[in-house]
Amino acid sequence: METVITRVTLNDGAESDWDAVMHDRMSAAEGAQGWVGGCILKPVEERNVRLVLGLWETRAAWDEWHRDPMFQETAERLKGLERDTGDGSWHEVLYAGGRLQR
């Protein structure tokens, strides 16, 4: 299992719109082949920053998700809401507790 973590900086005032679009994206990802789970984090000290954490069985499954029409649709809706889309960093999962255990 692998995880990708992306730090995104939002435009001022775009927080609630971005959060709604990403909720739709994460909900749609639940049906994607290879999706394990994920979450969106908001740093306490930075209200316009989000960390997106996605857990995937393989990086290839993540690549395939990016070609999915729902991913593409949410990408269009996010345009203009983000100041910096950030770069994702990949990590091999050594332990995932709770419901994420495989």
Protein backbone atom coordinates (compact mmCIF):
# COMPACT_ATOMS: atom_id res chain seq x y z
CA MET A 1 0.00 0.00 0.00
CA GLU A 2 1.18 3.52 -0.77
CA THR A 3 0.07 6.98 0.23
CA VAL A 4 0.39 10.32 -1.48
CA ILE A 5 0.36 13.50 0.61
CA THR A 6 -0.24 16.83 -1.12
CA ARG A 7 -0.10 20.27 0.50
CA VAL A 8 -2.43 22.76 -1.22
CA THR A 9 -2.68 26.50 -0.56
CA LEU A 10 -6.12 27.95 -1.26
CA ASN A 11 -7.04 31.40 -2.48
CA ASP A 12 -8.42 33.64 0.26
CA GLY A 13 -12.14 33.07 0.68
CA ALA A 14 -12.16 29.83 -1.36
CA GLU A 15 -11.98 27.48 1.61
CA SER A 16 -15.63 26.34 1.78
CA ASP A 17 -15.95 25.94 -2.00
CA TRP A 18 -12.70 23.94 -2.19
CA ASP A 19 -13.73 21.77 0.76
CA ALA A 20 -17.07 20.96 -0.94
CA VAL A 21 -15.41 20.01 -4.25
CA MET A 22 -12.84 17.84 -2.50
CA HIS A 23 -15.58 16.14 -0.49
CA ASP A 24 -17.18 15.20 -3.81
CA ARG A 25 -13.82 13.98 -5.15
CA MET A 26 -13.03 11.87 -2.09
CA SER A 27 -16.53 10.37 -2.14
CA ALA A 28 -16.14 9.48 -5.83
CA ALA A 29 -12.70 7.94 -5.17
CA GLU A 30 -14.36 5.39 -2.90
CA GLY A 31 -15.53 3.60 -6.05
CA ALA A 32 -12.12 3.72 -7.75
CA GLN A 33 -10.18 0.50 -8.25
CA GLY A 34 -7.29 0.42 -5.77
CA TRP A 35 -8.61 3.12 -3.41
CA VAL A 36 -8.03 2.27 0.26
CA GLY A 37 -9.01 5.52 1.98
CA GLY A 38 -7.93 9.04 2.68
CA CYS A 39 -8.56 12.29 4.46
CA ILE A 40 -8.24 16.03 4.13
CA LEU A 41 -6.45 17.85 6.91
CA LYS A 42 -6.57 21.56 7.78
CA PRO A 43 -3.57 22.85 9.75
CA VAL A 44 -4.77 24.67 12.86
CA GLU A 45 -2.51 27.68 12.23
CA GLU A 46 -3.14 27.97 8.45
CA ARG A 47 -6.83 28.23 7.57
CA ASN A 48 -6.16 28.41 3.81
CA VAL A 49 -3.94 25.31 3.64
CA ARG A 50 -5.09 21.73 3.16
CA LEU A 51 -3.19 18.45 3.27
CA VAL A 52 -4.72 15.74 1.13
CA LEU A 53 -3.78 12.21 2.13
CA GLY A 54 -4.74 9.38 -0.19
CA LEU A 55 -4.09 5.69 0.44
CA TRP A 56 -3.88 3.48 -2.64
CA GLU A 57 -3.10 -0.18 -3.21
CA THR A 58 -0.66 0.88 -5.95
CA ARG A 59 0.60 4.04 -7.58
CA ALA A 60 -0.78 2.70 -10.88
CA ALA A 61 -4.29 2.74 -9.36
CA TRP A 62 -3.78 6.41 -8.43
CA ASP A 63 -2.63 7.16 -11.99
CA GLU A 64 -5.75 5.46 -13.37
CA TRP A 65 -7.98 7.50 -11.01
CA HIS A 66 -6.55 10.69 -12.50
CA ARG A 67 -7.96 9.65 -15.88
CA ASP A 68 -11.44 9.07 -14.43
CA PRO A 69 -14.14 11.53 -15.64
CA MET A 70 -15.14 12.37 -12.03
CA PHE A 71 -11.56 13.29 -11.17
CA GLN A 72 -11.37 15.45 -14.30
CA GLU A 73 -14.70 17.13 -13.47
CA THR A 74 -13.57 18.05 -9.97
CA ALA A 75 -10.24 19.30 -11.35
CA GLU A 76 -12.18 21.77 -13.48
CA ARG A 77 -14.23 22.90 -10.48
CA LEU A 78 -11.04 23.47 -8.44
CA LYS A 79 -9.57 25.87 -11.00
CA GLY A 80 -9.38 29.34 -9.52
CA LEU A 81 -9.73 28.09 -5.94
CA GLU A 82 -6.08 27.15 -5.39
CA ARG A 83 -3.10 29.47 -5.14
CA ASP A 84 -0.66 26.54 -5.12
CA THR A 85 -1.70 22.98 -5.99
CA GLY A 86 1.48 21.64 -4.45
CA ASP A 87 3.40 18.54 -5.35
CA GLY A 88 2.45 15.20 -3.93
CA SER A 89 5.03 13.19 -2.03
CA TRP A 90 4.80 9.42 -2.09
CA HIS A 91 5.30 7.19 0.93
CA GLU A 92 5.27 3.45 1.40
CA VAL A 93 2.85 2.50 4.16
CA LEU A 94 4.54 0.43 6.83
CA TYR A 95 1.57 0.30 9.19
CA ALA A 96 -2.07 1.31 8.91
CA GLY A 97 -4.18 0.60 11.96
CA GLY A 98 -7.88 0.31 12.53
CA ARG A 99 -10.09 -0.24 9.51
CA LEU A 100 -7.17 0.39 7.17
CA GLN A 101 -5.38 -2.83 8.07
CA ARG A 102 -4.76 -5.06 5.05
